Amino acid sequence: MKDRGTVRFEDIALEAGRRARERYTAVADDFTSAGGESTWTMSFQRDDWDVRVVTDTRLTCDETDFFVDATLDAYEAGRRVFSRTWNEKVPRDLL
């Protein structure tokens, strides 16, 4: 897990933070077992302005396709103001 904590930029009175968690898996010679998951959080705060973005992404596969499932959530003052989800299938094309 990467955790860069919070950095303060005194000249502009801005605090910026980031946190990342990534995990990858595979089983020996089973090419359909490969997968990855990541969660990233970015935050910015100054005075009464407080925003945060959280992304969750998961990649899996089977014999013919890759599957990407992802969400993005944006928060302002702790309240979710935007959310989007993706569920995509991408042909392996000989991979």
Protein backbone atom coordinates (compact mmCIF):
# COMPACT_ATOMS: atom_id res chain seq x y z
CA MET A 1 0.00 0.00 0.00
CA LYS A 2 1.31 3.42 -0.92
CA ASP A 3 0.37 6.23 1.42
CA ARG A 4 1.86 9.61 0.68
CA GLY A 5 -0.15 11.32 3.40
CA THR A 6 -0.88 15.00 3.19
CA VAL A 7 1.35 17.76 1.88
CA ARG A 8 0.76 21.39 2.76
CA PHE A 9 1.60 24.15 0.28
CA GLU A 10 2.02 27.16 2.56
CA ASP A 11 2.20 29.75 -0.24
CA ILE A 12 -1.35 28.97 -1.33
CA ALA A 13 -2.66 27.47 1.96
CA LEU A 14 -3.56 24.20 0.21
CA GLU A 15 -3.42 20.71 1.67
CA ALA A 16 -3.22 17.88 -0.86
CA GLY A 17 -3.34 14.19 -0.03
CA ARG A 18 -3.19 10.90 -1.86
CA ARG A 19 -3.51 7.27 -0.93
CA ALA A 20 -3.22 4.22 -3.17
CA ARG A 21 -3.83 0.51 -2.69
CA GLU A 22 -3.03 -1.91 -5.50
CA ARG A 23 -3.18 -5.70 -5.57
CA TYR A 24 -2.30 -8.06 -8.40
CA THR A 25 -2.94 -11.80 -8.58
CA ALA A 26 -2.11 -14.72 -10.87
CA VAL A 27 -1.91 -18.48 -10.51
CA ALA A 28 1.16 -20.15 -12.05
CA ASP A 29 0.36 -21.12 -15.65
CA ASP A 30 -3.38 -20.27 -15.61
CA PHE A 31 -3.53 -17.27 -17.94
CA THR A 32 -7.19 -16.67 -17.07
CA SER A 33 -6.37 -16.12 -13.39
CA ALA A 34 -4.51 -12.81 -13.84
CA GLY A 35 -6.20 -9.83 -12.24
CA GLY A 36 -5.64 -6.54 -10.57
CA GLU A 37 -7.44 -4.17 -8.22
CA SER A 38 -6.62 -0.60 -7.30
CA THR A 39 -8.15 2.07 -5.10
CA TRP A 40 -6.88 5.65 -5.27
CA THR A 41 -7.96 8.62 -3.17
CA MET A 42 -6.95 12.21 -3.93
CA SER A 43 -7.97 15.06 -1.64
CA PHE A 44 -7.58 18.83 -1.61
CA GLN A 45 -8.49 21.29 1.13
CA ARG A 46 -8.18 25.03 1.64
CA ASP A 47 -10.22 27.17 4.03
CA ASP A 48 -13.82 25.89 3.72
CA TRP A 49 -13.16 24.11 0.40
CA ASP A 50 -12.75 20.34 0.87
CA VAL A 51 -12.88 17.93 -2.08
CA ARG A 52 -11.97 14.28 -2.56
CA VAL A 53 -12.00 11.83 -5.48
CA VAL A 54 -12.00 8.05 -4.99
CA THR A 55 -11.48 5.57 -7.83
CA ASP A 56 -11.85 1.79 -7.63
CA THR A 57 -10.75 -0.31 -10.59
CA ARG A 58 -10.78 -4.07 -11.12
CA LEU A 59 -9.34 -5.96 -14.11
CA THR A 60 -10.08 -9.65 -14.70
CA CYS A 61 -10.18 -11.91 -17.74
CA ASP A 62 -11.35 -15.16 -19.21
CA GLU A 63 -10.23 -17.09 -22.31
CA THR A 64 -11.59 -14.51 -24.76
CA ASP A 65 -12.00 -11.17 -22.99
CA PHE A 66 -10.65 -8.69 -20.44
CA PHE A 67 -13.17 -7.18 -18.03
CA VAL A 68 -12.73 -3.70 -16.56
CA ASP A 69 -15.04 -2.64 -13.73
CA ALA A 70 -14.45 0.82 -12.31
CA THR A 71 -16.12 3.48 -10.21
CA LEU A 72 -15.32 7.11 -9.61
CA ASP A 73 -16.86 9.02 -6.71
CA ALA A 74 -16.33 12.74 -6.11
CA TYR A 75 -17.04 14.40 -2.78
CA GLU A 76 -17.34 17.99 -1.66
CA ALA A 77 -17.44 18.73 2.07
CA GLY A 78 -17.93 14.99 2.70
CA ARG A 79 -21.03 14.76 0.47
CA ARG A 80 -20.93 12.74 -2.74
CA VAL A 81 -21.59 15.10 -5.64
CA PHE A 82 -20.72 12.85 -8.60
CA SER A 83 -20.51 9.13 -9.29
CA ARG A 84 -19.86 7.09 -12.40
CA THR A 85 -19.45 3.36 -13.02
CA TRP A 86 -17.87 1.60 -15.98
CA ASN A 87 -18.24 -2.07 -16.92
CA GLU A 88 -16.29 -2.78 -20.08
CA LYS A 89 -15.42 -5.93 -21.97
CA VAL A 90 -12.36 -5.85 -24.24
CA PRO A 91 -11.49 -8.72 -26.61
CA ARG A 92 -8.14 -10.39 -25.83
CA ASP A 93 -7.15 -10.46 -29.53
CA LEU A 94 -4.56 -13.25 -29.19
CA LEU A 95 -3.25 -12.16 -25.77
